[in-house]
Amino acid sequence: MVSTTVDKGGKILKEQRFYISSLRADAKQLNQAARLHWSIENQLHWRLDVVFNEDGACIRNDNAAENIDILRKWALNVLQKAKQKPDQSIKSLMQKNAMSFKHLIGVVKKIFSDYHDCSA
């Protein structure tokens, strides 16, 4: 069990989370594992929401929500590999692709040439 207390603008939030693990570890190691898990989860969710406005999506049809989630994560990975500069944002890359078909084709060619180079 992990107990947390967070002060958000003067409002105290307390939460308890329970984990099941076969890992033989002490409290410090288990806490680090839990923090790492949530750090990765929060960063990914934040990126998906910023880039794809995921929180604003209202997809409720059968498996559509799960399918679109997979596509968004795939697109995020592809766009990450297609960035031309390390400090370029995914959102700005998407905007460039939307505004210029020539740029979009260049990005697609780069992605497929990188894929082809890796599979050889």
PDB file of N, CA and C in Angstrom:
ATOM      1  N   MET A   1       0.848  -1.164   0.000  1.00  0.00           N
ATOM      2  CA  MET A   1       0.000   0.000   0.000  1.00  0.00           C
ATOM      3  C   MET A   1       0.903   1.240   0.000  1.00  0.00           C
ATOM      4  N   VAL A   2       0.502   2.213  -0.810  1.00  0.00           N
ATOM      5  CA  VAL A   2       1.210   3.489  -0.850  1.00  0.00           C
ATOM      6  C   VAL A   2       0.208   4.568  -0.464  1.00  0.00           C
ATOM      7  N   SER A   3       0.538   5.329   0.571  1.00  0.00           N
ATOM      8  CA  SER A   3      -0.295   6.452   1.002  1.00  0.00           C
ATOM      9  C   SER A   3       0.357   7.736   0.520  1.00  0.00           C
ATOM     10  N   THR A   4      -0.442   8.607  -0.094  1.00  0.00           N
ATOM     11  CA  THR A   4       0.091   9.877  -0.568  1.00  0.00           C
ATOM     12  C   THR A   4      -0.746  11.022  -0.008  1.00  0.00           C
ATOM     13  N   THR A   5      -0.078  12.148   0.202  1.00  0.00           N
ATOM     14  CA  THR A   5      -0.737  13.380   0.602  1.00  0.00           C
ATOM     15  C   THR A   5      -0.211  14.470  -0.318  1.00  0.00           C
ATOM     16  N   VAL A   6      -1.130  15.147  -0.997  1.00  0.00           N
ATOM     17  CA  VAL A   6      -0.754  16.181  -1.958  1.00  0.00           C
ATOM     18  C   VAL A   6      -1.486  17.458  -1.600  1.00  0.00           C
ATOM     19  N   ASP A   7      -0.761  18.572  -1.629  1.00  0.00           N
ATOM     20  CA  ASP A   7      -1.352  19.885  -1.383  1.00  0.00           C
ATOM     21  C   ASP A   7      -1.513  20.569  -2.735  1.00  0.00           C
ATOM     22  N   LYS A   8      -2.743  20.675  -3.210  1.00  0.00           N
ATOM     23  CA  LYS A   8      -3.025  21.337  -4.489  1.00  0.00           C
ATOM     24  C   LYS A   8      -3.742  22.646  -4.199  1.00  0.00           C
ATOM     25  N   GLY A   9      -2.996  23.713  -4.218  1.00  0.00           N
ATOM     26  CA  GLY A   9      -3.581  25.035  -4.000  1.00  0.00           C
ATOM     27  C   GLY A   9      -4.281  25.167  -2.661  1.00  0.00           C
ATOM     28  N   GLY A  10      -3.701  24.603  -1.614  1.00  0.00           N
ATOM     29  CA  GLY A  10      -4.292  24.695  -0.290  1.00  0.00           C
ATOM     30  C   GLY A  10      -5.286  23.590   0.027  1.00  0.00           C
ATOM     31  N   LYS A  11      -5.632  22.791  -0.960  1.00  0.00           N
ATOM     32  CA  LYS A  11      -6.554  21.677  -0.741  1.00  0.00           C
ATOM     33  C   LYS A  11      -5.725  20.401  -0.568  1.00  0.00           C
ATOM     34  N   ILE A  12      -5.886  19.736   0.550  1.00  0.00           N
ATOM     35  CA  ILE A  12      -5.124  18.536   0.850  1.00  0.00           C
ATOM     36  C   ILE A  12      -5.853  17.316   0.294  1.00  0.00           C
ATOM     37  N   LEU A  13      -5.165  16.566  -0.554  1.00  0.00           N
ATOM     38  CA  LEU A  13      -5.723  15.342  -1.130  1.00  0.00           C
ATOM     39  C   LEU A  13      -4.952  14.145  -0.586  1.00  0.00           C
ATOM     40  N   LYS A  14      -5.662  13.188  -0.024  1.00  0.00           N
ATOM     41  CA  LYS A  14      -5.032  11.964   0.486  1.00  0.00           C
ATOM     42  C   LYS A  14      -5.544  10.798  -0.334  1.00  0.00           C
ATOM     43  N   GLU A  15      -4.628   9.880  -0.634  1.00  0.00           N
ATOM     44  CA  GLU A  15      -4.983   8.748  -1.470  1.00  0.00           C
ATOM     45  C   GLU A  15      -4.195   7.526  -1.038  1.00  0.00           C
ATOM     46  N   GLN A  16      -4.803   6.374  -1.181  1.00  0.00           N
ATOM     47  CA  GLN A  16      -4.107   5.110  -0.924  1.00  0.00           C
ATOM     48  C   GLN A  16      -4.224   4.258  -2.176  1.00  0.00           C
ATOM     49  N   ARG A  17      -3.082   3.698  -2.591  1.00  0.00           N
ATOM     50  CA  ARG A  17      -3.059   2.806  -3.747  1.00  0.00           C
ATOM     51  C   ARG A  17      -2.463   1.480  -3.299  1.00  0.00           C
ATOM     52  N   PHE A  18      -3.023   0.410  -3.822  1.00  0.00           N
ATOM     53  CA  PHE A  18      -2.560  -0.917  -3.454  1.00  0.00           C
ATOM     54  C   PHE A  18      -1.925  -1.580  -4.667  1.00  0.00           C
ATOM     55  N   TYR A  19      -0.823  -2.259  -4.439  1.00  0.00           N
ATOM     56  CA  TYR A  19      -0.095  -2.945  -5.498  1.00  0.00           C
ATOM     57  C   TYR A  19       0.100  -4.403  -5.100  1.00  0.00           C
ATOM     58  N   ILE A  20       0.085  -5.266  -6.091  1.00  0.00           N
ATOM     59  CA  ILE A  20       0.376  -6.677  -5.867  1.00  0.00           C
ATOM     60  C   ILE A  20       1.622  -6.995  -6.684  1.00  0.00           C
ATOM     61  N   SER A  21       2.597  -7.623  -6.038  1.00  0.00           N
ATOM     62  CA  SER A  21       3.844  -7.935  -6.725  1.00  0.00           C
ATOM     63  C   SER A  21       4.491  -9.154  -6.087  1.00  0.00           C
ATOM     64  N   SER A  22       5.170  -9.920  -6.918  1.00  0.00           N
ATOM     65  CA  SER A  22       5.953 -11.043  -6.399  1.00  0.00           C
ATOM     66  C   SER A  22       7.405 -10.623  -6.168  1.00  0.00           C
ATOM     67  N   LEU A  23       7.710  -9.373  -6.447  1.00  0.00           N
ATOM     68  CA  LEU A  23       9.061  -8.854  -6.273  1.00  0.00           C
ATOM     69  C   LEU A  23       9.438  -8.835  -4.797  1.00  0.00           C
ATOM     70  N   ARG A  24      10.588  -9.394  -4.489  1.00  0.00           N
ATOM     71  CA  ARG A  24      11.090  -9.343  -3.114  1.00  0.00           C
ATOM     72  C   ARG A  24      11.907  -8.061  -2.991  1.00  0.00           C
ATOM     73  N   ALA A  25      11.302  -7.062  -2.362  1.00  0.00           N
ATOM     74  CA  ALA A  25      11.956  -5.763  -2.266  1.00  0.00           C
ATOM     75  C   ALA A  25      11.516  -5.075  -0.981  1.00  0.00           C
ATOM     76  N   ASP A  26      12.316  -4.099  -0.586  1.00  0.00           N
ATOM     77  CA  ASP A  26      11.940  -3.327   0.600  1.00  0.00           C
ATOM     78  C   ASP A  26      11.037  -2.165   0.179  1.00  0.00           C
ATOM     79  N   ALA A  27      10.556  -1.416   1.158  1.00  0.00           N
ATOM     80  CA  ALA A  27       9.611  -0.326   0.910  1.00  0.00           C
ATOM     81  C   ALA A  27      10.194   0.725  -0.040  1.00  0.00           C
ATOM     82  N   LYS A  28      11.489   1.026   0.116  1.00  0.00           N
ATOM     83  CA  LYS A  28      12.116   2.043  -0.735  1.00  0.00           C
ATOM     84  C   LYS A  28      12.103   1.606  -2.207  1.00  0.00           C
ATOM     85  N   GLN A  29      12.454   0.358  -2.478  1.00  0.00           N
ATOM     86  CA  GLN A  29      12.474  -0.143  -3.853  1.00  0.00           C
ATOM     87  C   GLN A  29      11.068  -0.188  -4.447  1.00  0.00           C
ATOM     88  N   LEU A  30      10.096  -0.620  -3.655  1.00  0.00           N
ATOM     89  CA  LEU A  30       8.716  -0.665  -4.143  1.00  0.00           C
ATOM     90  C   LEU A  30       8.185   0.744  -4.415  1.00  0.00           C
ATOM     91  N   ASN A  31       8.548   1.693  -3.578  1.00  0.00           N
ATOM     92  CA  ASN A  31       8.131   3.076  -3.796  1.00  0.00           C
ATOM     93  C   ASN A  31       8.741   3.623  -5.087  1.00  0.00           C
ATOM     94  N   GLN A  32      10.010   3.317  -5.333  1.00  0.00           N
ATOM     95  CA  GLN A  32      10.659   3.775  -6.572  1.00  0.00           C
ATOM     96  C   GLN A  32       9.974   3.165  -7.791  1.00  0.00           C
ATOM     97  N   ALA A  33       9.611   1.882  -7.702  1.00  0.00           N
ATOM     98  CA  ALA A  33       8.928   1.224  -8.821  1.00  0.00           C
ATOM     99  C   ALA A  33       7.572   1.874  -9.083  1.00  0.00           C
ATOM    100  N   ALA A  34       6.831   2.169  -8.017  1.00  0.00           N
ATOM    101  CA  ALA A  34       5.515   2.810  -8.164  1.00  0.00           C
ATOM    102  C   ALA A  34       5.662   4.212  -8.756  1.00  0.00           C
ATOM    103  N   ARG A  35       6.644   4.974  -8.287  1.00  0.00           N
ATOM    104  CA  ARG A  35       6.868   6.327  -8.810  1.00  0.00           C
ATOM    105  C   ARG A  35       7.254   6.287 -10.291  1.00  0.00           C
ATOM    106  N   LEU A  36       8.112   5.345 -10.651  1.00  0.00           N
ATOM    107  CA  LEU A  36       8.522   5.220 -12.044  1.00  0.00           C
ATOM    108  C   LEU A  36       7.325   4.889 -12.924  1.00  0.00           C
ATOM    109  N   HIS A  37       6.493   3.946 -12.470  1.00  0.00           N
ATOM    110  CA  HIS A  37       5.312   3.571 -13.242  1.00  0.00           C
ATOM    111  C   HIS A  37       4.412   4.779 -13.482  1.00  0.00           C
ATOM    112  N   TRP A  38       4.098   5.516 -12.413  1.00  0.00           N
ATOM    113  CA  TRP A  38       3.182   6.644 -12.560  1.00  0.00           C
ATOM    114  C   TRP A  38       3.823   7.801 -13.311  1.00  0.00           C
ATOM    115  N   SER A  39       5.123   7.958 -13.207  1.00  0.00           N
ATOM    116  CA  SER A  39       5.809   9.008 -13.959  1.00  0.00           C
ATOM    117  C   SER A  39       5.660   8.756 -15.457  1.00  0.00           C
ATOM    118  N   ILE A  40       5.910   7.518 -15.858  1.00  0.00           N
ATOM    119  CA  ILE A  40       5.783   7.156 -17.273  1.00  0.00           C
ATOM    120  C   ILE A  40       4.337   7.307 -17.721  1.00  0.00           C
ATOM    121  N   GLU A  41       3.403   6.796 -16.921  1.00  0.00           N
ATOM    122  CA  GLU A  41       1.978   6.870 -17.248  1.00  0.00           C
ATOM    123  C   GLU A  41       1.516   8.320 -17.386  1.00  0.00           C
ATOM    124  N   ASN A  42       1.911   9.175 -16.449  1.00  0.00           N
ATOM    125  CA  ASN A  42       1.490  10.572 -16.488  1.00  0.00           C
ATOM    126  C   ASN A  42       2.092  11.314 -17.675  1.00  0.00           C
ATOM    127  N   GLN A  43       3.356  11.047 -17.991  1.00  0.00           N
ATOM    128  CA  GLN A  43       3.988  11.707 -19.129  1.00  0.00           C
ATOM    129  C   GLN A  43       3.319  11.302 -20.433  1.00  0.00           C
ATOM    130  N   LEU A  44       3.035  10.003 -20.584  1.00  0.00           N
ATOM    131  CA  LEU A  44       2.387   9.526 -21.808  1.00  0.00           C
ATOM    132  C   LEU A  44       0.992  10.122 -21.931  1.00  0.00           C
ATOM    133  N   HIS A  45       0.221  10.095 -20.846  1.00  0.00           N
ATOM    134  CA  HIS A  45      -1.140  10.643 -20.894  1.00  0.00           C
ATOM    135  C   HIS A  45      -1.099  12.133 -21.220  1.00  0.00           C
ATOM    136  N   TRP A  46      -0.172  12.860 -20.605  1.00  0.00           N
ATOM    137  CA  TRP A  46      -0.066  14.293 -20.865  1.00  0.00           C
ATOM    138  C   TRP A  46       0.233  14.540 -22.342  1.00  0.00           C
ATOM    139  N   ARG A  47       1.170  13.773 -22.889  1.00  0.00           N
ATOM    140  CA  ARG A  47       1.530  13.947 -24.301  1.00  0.00           C
ATOM    141  C   ARG A  47       0.351  13.628 -25.210  1.00  0.00           C
ATOM    142  N   LEU A  48      -0.367  12.536 -24.916  1.00  0.00           N
ATOM    143  CA  LEU A  48      -1.523  12.175 -25.737  1.00  0.00           C
ATOM    144  C   LEU A  48      -2.605  13.247 -25.660  1.00  0.00           C
ATOM    145  N   ASP A  49      -2.793  13.826 -24.483  1.00  0.00           N
ATOM    146  CA  ASP A  49      -3.817  14.853 -24.342  1.00  0.00           C
ATOM    147  C   ASP A  49      -3.412  16.137 -25.050  1.00  0.00           C
ATOM    148  N   VAL A  50      -2.160  16.540 -24.924  1.00  0.00           N
ATOM    149  CA  VAL A  50      -1.693  17.771 -25.565  1.00  0.00           C
ATOM    150  C   VAL A  50      -1.696  17.625 -27.086  1.00  0.00           C
ATOM    151  N   VAL A  51      -1.192  16.502 -27.588  1.00  0.00           N
ATOM    152  CA  VAL A  51      -1.058  16.325 -29.031  1.00  0.00           C
ATOM    153  C   VAL A  51      -2.394  15.996 -29.685  1.00  0.00           C
ATOM    154  N   PHE A  52      -3.171  15.106 -29.083  1.00  0.00           N
ATOM    155  CA  PHE A  52      -4.395  14.614 -29.715  1.00  0.00           C
ATOM    156  C   PHE A  52      -5.685  15.035 -29.006  1.00  0.00           C
ATOM    157  N   ASN A  53      -5.581  15.889 -27.980  1.00  0.00           N
ATOM    158  CA  ASN A  53      -6.744  16.305 -27.204  1.00  0.00           C
ATOM    159  C   ASN A  53      -7.553  15.085 -26.753  1.00  0.00           C
ATOM    160  N   GLU A  54      -6.851  14.111 -26.221  1.00  0.00           N
ATOM    161  CA  GLU A  54      -7.456  12.828 -25.855  1.00  0.00           C
ATOM    162  C   GLU A  54      -8.572  12.981 -24.817  1.00  0.00           C
ATOM    163  N   ASP A  55      -8.399  13.886 -23.858  1.00  0.00           N
ATOM    164  CA  ASP A  55      -9.429  14.058 -22.820  1.00  0.00           C
ATOM    165  C   ASP A  55     -10.729  14.607 -23.395  1.00  0.00           C
ATOM    166  N   GLY A  56     -10.648  15.301 -24.509  1.00  0.00           N
ATOM    167  CA  GLY A  56     -11.849  15.871 -25.124  1.00  0.00           C
ATOM    168  C   GLY A  56     -12.563  14.920 -26.061  1.00  0.00           C
ATOM    169  N   ALA A  57     -11.978  13.757 -26.302  1.00  0.00           N
ATOM    170  CA  ALA A  57     -12.577  12.792 -27.231  1.00  0.00           C
ATOM    171  C   ALA A  57     -13.725  12.051 -26.553  1.00  0.00           C
ATOM    172  N   CYS A  58     -14.795  11.867 -27.287  1.00  0.00           N
ATOM    173  CA  CYS A  58     -15.969  11.137 -26.768  1.00  0.00           C
ATOM    174  C   CYS A  58     -16.204   9.917 -27.644  1.00  0.00           C
ATOM    175  N   ILE A  59     -15.359   8.928 -27.500  1.00  0.00           N
ATOM    176  CA  ILE A  59     -15.470   7.711 -28.307  1.00  0.00           C
ATOM    177  C   ILE A  59     -16.019   6.614 -27.414  1.00  0.00           C
ATOM    178  N   ARG A  60     -17.199   6.119 -27.748  1.00  0.00           N
ATOM    179  CA  ARG A  60     -17.830   5.117 -26.891  1.00  0.00           C
ATOM    180  C   ARG A  60     -18.355   3.914 -27.675  1.00  0.00           C
ATOM    181  N   ASN A  61     -17.997   3.785 -28.921  1.00  0.00           N
ATOM    182  CA  ASN A  61     -18.540   2.740 -29.775  1.00  0.00           C
ATOM    183  C   ASN A  61     -17.708   1.465 -29.699  1.00  0.00           C
ATOM    184  N   ASP A  62     -18.246   0.415 -29.095  1.00  0.00           N
ATOM    185  CA  ASP A  62     -17.633  -0.908 -29.019  1.00  0.00           C
ATOM    186  C   ASP A  62     -16.146  -0.820 -28.675  1.00  0.00           C
ATOM    187  N   ASN A  63     -15.302  -1.261 -29.596  1.00  0.00           N
ATOM    188  CA  ASN A  63     -13.855  -1.281 -29.367  1.00  0.00           C
ATOM    189  C   ASN A  63     -13.165  -0.037 -29.905  1.00  0.00           C
ATOM    190  N   ALA A  64     -13.938   0.941 -30.323  1.00  0.00           N
ATOM    191  CA  ALA A  64     -13.350   2.122 -30.967  1.00  0.00           C
ATOM    192  C   ALA A  64     -12.375   2.856 -30.048  1.00  0.00           C
ATOM    193  N   ALA A  65     -12.705   2.997 -28.766  1.00  0.00           N
ATOM    194  CA  ALA A  65     -11.827   3.733 -27.844  1.00  0.00           C
ATOM    195  C   ALA A  65     -10.471   3.041 -27.723  1.00  0.00           C
ATOM    196  N   GLU A  66     -10.486   1.731 -27.598  1.00  0.00           N
ATOM    197  CA  GLU A  66      -9.225   0.985 -27.494  1.00  0.00           C
ATOM    198  C   GLU A  66      -8.440   1.059 -28.806  1.00  0.00           C
ATOM    199  N   ASN A  67      -9.141   0.946 -29.930  1.00  0.00           N
ATOM    200  CA  ASN A  67      -8.476   1.006 -31.237  1.00  0.00           C
ATOM    201  C   ASN A  67      -7.852   2.371 -31.486  1.00  0.00           C
ATOM    202  N   ILE A  68      -8.579   3.435 -31.167  1.00  0.00           N
ATOM    203  CA  ILE A  68      -8.041   4.784 -31.392  1.00  0.00           C
ATOM    204  C   ILE A  68      -6.883   5.059 -30.441  1.00  0.00           C
ATOM    205  N   ASP A  69      -6.936   4.490 -29.235  1.00  0.00           N
ATOM    206  CA  ASP A  69      -5.827   4.627 -28.288  1.00  0.00           C
ATOM    207  C   ASP A  69      -4.554   4.004 -28.866  1.00  0.00           C
ATOM    208  N   ILE A  70      -4.690   2.827 -29.458  1.00  0.00           N
ATOM    209  CA  ILE A  70      -3.537   2.164 -30.084  1.00  0.00           C
ATOM    210  C   ILE A  70      -3.003   3.009 -31.236  1.00  0.00           C
ATOM    211  N   LEU A  71      -3.898   3.535 -32.061  1.00  0.00           N
ATOM    212  CA  LEU A  71      -3.469   4.365 -33.197  1.00  0.00           C
ATOM    213  C   LEU A  71      -2.778   5.649 -32.733  1.00  0.00           C
ATOM    214  N   ARG A  72      -3.304   6.262 -31.682  1.00  0.00           N
ATOM    215  CA  ARG A  72      -2.670   7.486 -31.168  1.00  0.00           C
ATOM    216  C   ARG A  72      -1.266   7.204 -30.654  1.00  0.00           C
ATOM    217  N   LYS A  73      -1.103   6.114 -29.921  1.00  0.00           N
ATOM    218  CA  LYS A  73       0.228   5.772 -29.397  1.00  0.00           C
ATOM    219  C   LYS A  73       1.180   5.436 -30.536  1.00  0.00           C
ATOM    220  N   TRP A  74       0.688   4.741 -31.559  1.00  0.00           N
ATOM    221  CA  TRP A  74       1.519   4.437 -32.722  1.00  0.00           C
ATOM    222  C   TRP A  74       1.916   5.737 -33.420  1.00  0.00           C
ATOM    223  N   ALA A  75       0.941   6.626 -33.628  1.00  0.00           N
ATOM    224  CA  ALA A  75       1.222   7.905 -34.297  1.00  0.00           C
ATOM    225  C   ALA A  75       2.216   8.737 -33.502  1.00  0.00           C
ATOM    226  N   LEU A  76       2.075   8.736 -32.181  1.00  0.00           N
ATOM    227  CA  LEU A  76       3.000   9.481 -31.328  1.00  0.00           C
ATOM    228  C   LEU A  76       4.429   8.958 -31.506  1.00  0.00           C
ATOM    229  N   ASN A  77       4.586   7.644 -31.534  1.00  0.00           N
ATOM    230  CA  ASN A  77       5.917   7.056 -31.734  1.00  0.00           C
ATOM    231  C   ASN A  77       6.474   7.375 -33.112  1.00  0.00           C
ATOM    232  N   VAL A  78       5.631   7.291 -34.140  1.00  0.00           N
ATOM    233  CA  VAL A  78       6.079   7.582 -35.507  1.00  0.00           C
ATOM    234  C   VAL A  78       6.489   9.046 -35.622  1.00  0.00           C
ATOM    235  N   LEU A  79       5.663   9.936 -35.091  1.00  0.00           N
ATOM    236  CA  LEU A  79       5.985  11.360 -35.163  1.00  0.00           C
ATOM    237  C   LEU A  79       7.251  11.691 -34.374  1.00  0.00           C
ATOM    238  N   GLN A  80       7.446  11.011 -33.259  1.00  0.00           N
ATOM    239  CA  GLN A  80       8.657  11.232 -32.459  1.00  0.00           C
ATOM    240  C   GLN A  80       9.898  10.898 -33.284  1.00  0.00           C
ATOM    241  N   LYS A  81       9.826   9.814 -34.044  1.00  0.00           N
ATOM    242  CA  LYS A  81      10.960   9.414 -34.891  1.00  0.00           C
ATOM    243  C   LYS A  81      11.136  10.347 -36.083  1.00  0.00           C
ATOM    244  N   ALA A  82      10.055  11.009 -36.501  1.00  0.00           N
ATOM    245  CA  ALA A  82      10.100  11.868 -37.689  1.00  0.00           C
ATOM    246  C   ALA A  82      10.571  13.291 -37.386  1.00  0.00           C
ATOM    247  N   LYS A  83      10.718  13.621 -36.118  1.00  0.00           N
ATOM    248  CA  LYS A  83      11.146  14.983 -35.781  1.00  0.00           C
ATOM    249  C   LYS A  83      12.505  15.275 -36.415  1.00  0.00           C
ATOM    250  N   GLN A  84      12.622  16.483 -36.950  1.00  0.00           N
ATOM    251  CA  GLN A  84      13.861  16.857 -37.617  1.00  0.00           C
ATOM    252  C   GLN A  84      14.864  17.483 -36.666  1.00  0.00           C
ATOM    253  N   LYS A  85      14.369  18.072 -35.583  1.00  0.00           N
ATOM    254  CA  LYS A  85      15.232  18.674 -34.562  1.00  0.00           C
ATOM    255  C   LYS A  85      14.812  18.114 -33.213  1.00  0.00           C
ATOM    256  N   PRO A  86      15.770  17.865 -32.324  1.00  0.00           N
ATOM    257  CA  PRO A  86      15.423  17.296 -31.014  1.00  0.00           C
ATOM    258  C   PRO A  86      14.435  18.135 -30.209  1.00  0.00           C
ATOM    259  N   ASP A  87      14.489  19.468 -30.377  1.00  0.00           N
ATOM    260  CA  ASP A  87      13.606  20.330 -29.589  1.00  0.00           C
ATOM    261  C   ASP A  87      12.277  20.637 -30.294  1.00  0.00           C
ATOM    262  N   GLN A  88      12.059  20.050 -31.470  1.00  0.00           N
ATOM    263  CA  GLN A  88      10.806  20.267 -32.193  1.00  0.00           C
ATOM    264  C   GLN A  88       9.666  19.540 -31.485  1.00  0.00           C
ATOM    265  N   SER A  89       8.523  20.209 -31.358  1.00  0.00           N
ATOM    266  CA  SER A  89       7.388  19.567 -30.693  1.00  0.00           C
ATOM    267  C   SER A  89       6.604  18.718 -31.697  1.00  0.00           C
ATOM    268  N   ILE A  90       5.971  17.682 -31.173  1.00  0.00           N
ATOM    269  CA  ILE A  90       5.136  16.811 -32.003  1.00  0.00           C
ATOM    270  C   ILE A  90       3.968  17.627 -32.572  1.00  0.00           C
ATOM    271  N   LYS A  91       3.412  18.490 -31.748  1.00  0.00           N
ATOM    272  CA  LYS A  91       2.271  19.296 -32.182  1.00  0.00           C
ATOM    273  C   LYS A  91       2.650  20.202 -33.357  1.00  0.00           C
ATOM    274  N   SER A  92       3.833  20.814 -33.287  1.00  0.00           N
ATOM    275  CA  SER A  92       4.247  21.683 -34.394  1.00  0.00           C
ATOM    276  C   SER A  92       4.518  20.861 -35.652  1.00  0.00           C
ATOM    277  N   LEU A  93       5.036  19.652 -35.492  1.00  0.00           N
ATOM    278  CA  LEU A  93       5.257  18.767 -36.643  1.00  0.00           C
ATOM    279  C   LEU A  93       3.931  18.398 -37.287  1.00  0.00           C
ATOM    280  N   MET A  94       2.933  18.097 -36.473  1.00  0.00           N
ATOM    281  CA  MET A  94       1.606  17.778 -37.007  1.00  0.00           C
ATOM    282  C   MET A  94       1.011  18.975 -37.743  1.00  0.00           C
ATOM    283  N   GLN A  95       1.189  20.177 -37.183  1.00  0.00           N
ATOM    284  CA  GLN A  95       0.667  21.378 -37.835  1.00  0.00           C
ATOM    285  C   GLN A  95       1.350  21.623 -39.174  1.00  0.00           C
ATOM    286  N   LYS A  96       2.671  21.417 -39.214  1.00  0.00           N
ATOM    287  CA  LYS A  96       3.396  21.569 -40.483  1.00  0.00           C
ATOM    288  C   LYS A  96       2.889  20.579 -41.516  1.00  0.00           C
ATOM    289  N   ASN A  97       2.688  19.333 -41.069  1.00  0.00           N
ATOM    290  CA  ASN A  97       2.189  18.299 -41.986  1.00  0.00           C
ATOM    291  C   ASN A  97       0.795  18.651 -42.504  1.00  0.00           C
ATOM    292  N   ALA A  98      -0.041  19.225 -41.641  1.00  0.00           N
ATOM    293  CA  ALA A  98      -1.402  19.599 -42.038  1.00  0.00           C
ATOM    294  C   ALA A  98      -1.405  20.767 -43.020  1.00  0.00           C
ATOM    295  N   MET A  99      -0.423  21.638 -42.903  1.00  0.00           N
ATOM    296  CA  MET A  99      -0.386  22.839 -43.735  1.00  0.00           C
ATOM    297  C   MET A  99       0.343  22.634 -45.067  1.00  0.00           C
ATOM    298  N   SER A 100       1.203  21.622 -45.136  1.00  0.00           N
ATOM    299  CA  SER A 100       2.002  21.436 -46.348  1.00  0.00           C
ATOM    300  C   SER A 100       2.051  19.961 -46.739  1.00  0.00           C
ATOM    301  N   PHE A 101       1.397  19.653 -47.851  1.00  0.00           N
ATOM    302  CA  PHE A 101       1.406  18.280 -48.348  1.00  0.00           C
ATOM    303  C   PHE A 101       2.832  17.846 -48.686  1.00  0.00           C
ATOM    304  N   LYS A 102       3.615  18.766 -49.212  1.00  0.00           N
ATOM    305  CA  LYS A 102       5.011  18.470 -49.566  1.00  0.00           C
ATOM    306  C   LYS A 102       5.790  18.070 -48.307  1.00  0.00           C
ATOM    307  N   HIS A 103       5.580  18.801 -47.221  1.00  0.00           N
ATOM    308  CA  HIS A 103       6.250  18.477 -45.960  1.00  0.00           C
ATOM    309  C   HIS A 103       5.799  17.114 -45.455  1.00  0.00           C
ATOM    310  N   LEU A 104       4.491  16.846 -45.525  1.00  0.00           N
ATOM    311  CA  LEU A 104       3.938  15.565 -45.085  1.00  0.00           C
ATOM    312  C   LEU A 104       4.568  14.410 -45.860  1.00  0.00           C
ATOM    313  N   ILE A 105       4.665  14.539 -47.158  1.00  0.00           N
ATOM    314  CA  ILE A 105       5.264  13.482 -47.982  1.00  0.00           C
ATOM    315  C   ILE A 105       6.727  13.279 -47.602  1.00  0.00           C
ATOM    316  N   GLY A 106       7.450  14.370 -47.319  1.00  0.00           N
ATOM    317  CA  GLY A 106       8.841  14.253 -46.884  1.00  0.00           C
ATOM    318  C   GLY A 106       8.961  13.491 -45.572  1.00  0.00           C
ATOM    319  N   VAL A 107       8.055  13.763 -44.648  1.00  0.00           N
ATOM    320  CA  VAL A 107       8.060  13.061 -43.352  1.00  0.00           C
ATOM    321  C   VAL A 107       7.753  11.582 -43.562  1.00  0.00           C
ATOM    322  N   VAL A 108       6.753  11.278 -44.383  1.00  0.00           N
ATOM    323  CA  VAL A 108       6.391   9.881 -44.651  1.00  0.00           C
ATOM    324  C   VAL A 108       7.567   9.147 -45.302  1.00  0.00           C
ATOM    325  N   LYS A 109       8.234   9.789 -46.238  1.00  0.00           N
ATOM    326  CA  LYS A 109       9.400   9.169 -46.879  1.00  0.00           C
ATOM    327  C   LYS A 109      10.499   8.903 -45.860  1.00  0.00           C
ATOM    328  N   LYS A 110      10.719   9.852 -44.954  1.00  0.00           N
ATOM    329  CA  LYS A 110      11.737   9.679 -43.919  1.00  0.00           C
ATOM    330  C   LYS A 110      11.392   8.494 -43.027  1.00  0.00           C
ATOM    331  N   ILE A 111      10.139   8.409 -42.619  1.00  0.00           N
ATOM    332  CA  ILE A 111       9.708   7.312 -41.745  1.00  0.00           C
ATOM    333  C   ILE A 111       9.930   5.976 -42.429  1.00  0.00           C
ATOM    334  N   PHE A 112       9.501   5.861 -43.687  1.00  0.00           N
ATOM    335  CA  PHE A 112       9.639   4.586 -44.392  1.00  0.00           C
ATOM    336  C   PHE A 112      11.084   4.270 -44.745  1.00  0.00           C
ATOM    337  N   SER A 113      11.909   5.290 -45.012  1.00  0.00           N
ATOM    338  CA  SER A 113      13.316   5.003 -45.298  1.00  0.00           C
ATOM    339  C   SER A 113      14.032   4.554 -44.024  1.00  0.00           C
ATOM    340  N   ASP A 114      13.673   5.162 -42.872  1.00  0.00           N
ATOM    341  CA  ASP A 114      14.242   4.723 -41.591  1.00  0.00           C
ATOM    342  C   ASP A 114      13.817   3.288 -41.283  1.00  0.00           C
ATOM    343  N   TYR A 115      12.547   2.968 -41.540  1.00  0.00           N
ATOM    344  CA  TYR A 115      12.037   1.613 -41.315  1.00  0.00           C
ATOM    345  C   TYR A 115      12.752   0.619 -42.221  1.00  0.00           C
ATOM    346  N   HIS A 116      12.924   1.000 -43.483  1.00  0.00           N
ATOM    347  CA  HIS A 116      13.593   0.109 -44.445  1.00  0.00           C
ATOM    348  C   HIS A 116      15.033  -0.143 -44.022  1.00  0.00           C
ATOM    349  N   ASP A 117      15.716   0.913 -43.546  1.00  0.00           N
ATOM    350  CA  ASP A 117      17.112   0.764 -43.106  1.00  0.00           C
ATOM    351  C   ASP A 117      17.213  -0.189 -41.918  1.00  0.00           C
ATOM    352  N   CYS A 118      16.232  -0.159 -41.014  1.00  0.00           N
ATOM    353  CA  CYS A 118      16.246  -1.015 -39.816  1.00  0.00           C
ATOM    354  C   CYS A 118      15.937  -2.462 -40.142  1.00  0.00           C
ATOM    355  N   SER A 119      15.125  -2.715 -41.174  1.00  0.00           N
ATOM    356  CA  SER A 119      14.705  -4.076 -41.466  1.00  0.00           C
ATOM    357  C   SER A 119      15.711  -4.833 -42.322  1.00  0.00           C
ATOM    358  N   ALA A 120      16.693  -4.153 -42.868  1.00  0.00           N
ATOM    359  CA  ALA A 120      17.680  -4.819 -43.746  1.00  0.00           C
ATOM    360  C   ALA A 120      18.703  -5.594 -42.952  1.00  0.00           C
TER     361      ALA A 120
END
